[in-house]
Protein backbone atom coordinates (compact mmCIF):
# COMPACT_ATOMS: atom_id res chain seq x y z
CA MET A 1 6.11 -1.43 15.72
CA LYS A 2 2.74 -0.58 14.20
CA ASN A 3 4.14 2.68 12.79
CA MET A 4 7.00 0.82 11.15
CA ILE A 5 4.64 -1.72 9.55
CA LEU A 6 2.26 0.96 8.31
CA SER A 7 5.17 2.93 6.87
CA ALA A 8 6.53 -0.13 5.07
CA LEU A 9 3.10 -0.99 3.65
CA SER A 10 2.63 2.62 2.49
CA LEU A 11 5.99 2.59 0.72
CA MET A 12 5.17 -0.72 -0.99
CA LEU A 13 1.84 0.63 -2.20
CA ALA A 14 3.43 3.87 -3.42
CA GLY A 15 6.35 2.08 -5.09
CA PRO A 16 4.87 1.77 -8.60
CA ALA A 17 3.87 5.45 -8.62
CA ILE A 18 7.36 6.50 -7.52
CA ALA A 19 9.16 4.23 -10.00
CA HIS A 20 7.54 5.56 -13.19
CA ASP A 21 7.61 8.93 -14.88
CA GLY A 22 4.18 10.50 -14.79
CA LEU A 23 0.82 8.91 -14.12
CA HIS A 24 -0.40 6.27 -16.53
CA LEU A 25 -2.45 3.09 -16.50
CA HIS A 26 -0.68 -0.23 -16.71
CA PRO A 27 -2.34 -2.47 -19.29
CA HIS A 28 -0.84 -5.61 -17.75
CA GLY A 29 -2.58 -5.10 -14.41
CA VAL A 30 -1.10 -5.99 -11.05
CA GLU A 31 1.66 -8.53 -10.68
CA PRO A 32 0.74 -11.66 -8.65
CA TRP A 33 3.62 -11.15 -6.19
CA ALA A 34 2.29 -7.69 -5.36
CA VAL A 35 -1.16 -9.11 -4.60
CA ALA A 36 0.36 -11.82 -2.37
CA LEU A 37 2.58 -9.30 -0.59
CA GLY A 38 -0.36 -6.98 0.03
CA ALA A 39 -2.49 -9.83 1.37
CA LEU A 40 0.28 -10.94 3.73
CA GLY A 41 0.72 -7.36 4.90
CA ALA A 42 -3.00 -6.96 5.57
CA ILE A 43 -3.13 -10.25 7.48
CA GLY A 44 -0.06 -9.29 9.51
CA LEU A 45 -1.47 -5.86 10.32
CA ALA A 46 -4.80 -7.38 11.39
CA ALA A 47 -2.98 -9.86 13.63
CA LEU A 48 -0.95 -7.03 15.17
CA ILE A 49 -4.07 -4.97 15.90
CA ILE A 50 -5.87 -7.96 17.42
CA ALA A 51 -2.84 -8.80 19.58
CA GLU A 52 -2.64 -5.21 20.86
CA GLN A 53 -6.35 -5.15 21.71
CA ARG A 54 -6.05 -8.32 23.79
CA LYS A 55 -3.34 -6.84 26.04
């Protein structure tokens, strides 16, 4: 389960780099939904790690 979550988070983080041709800076910054999704992923991963440690 942890491997699946880490893989999904990695793909989400790499998504913008994969979607565009070449490397370039985005003047508009990061979209709010991406920040919220990353925060939810980090919270979920932390909860998963804590739950596994308590077993």
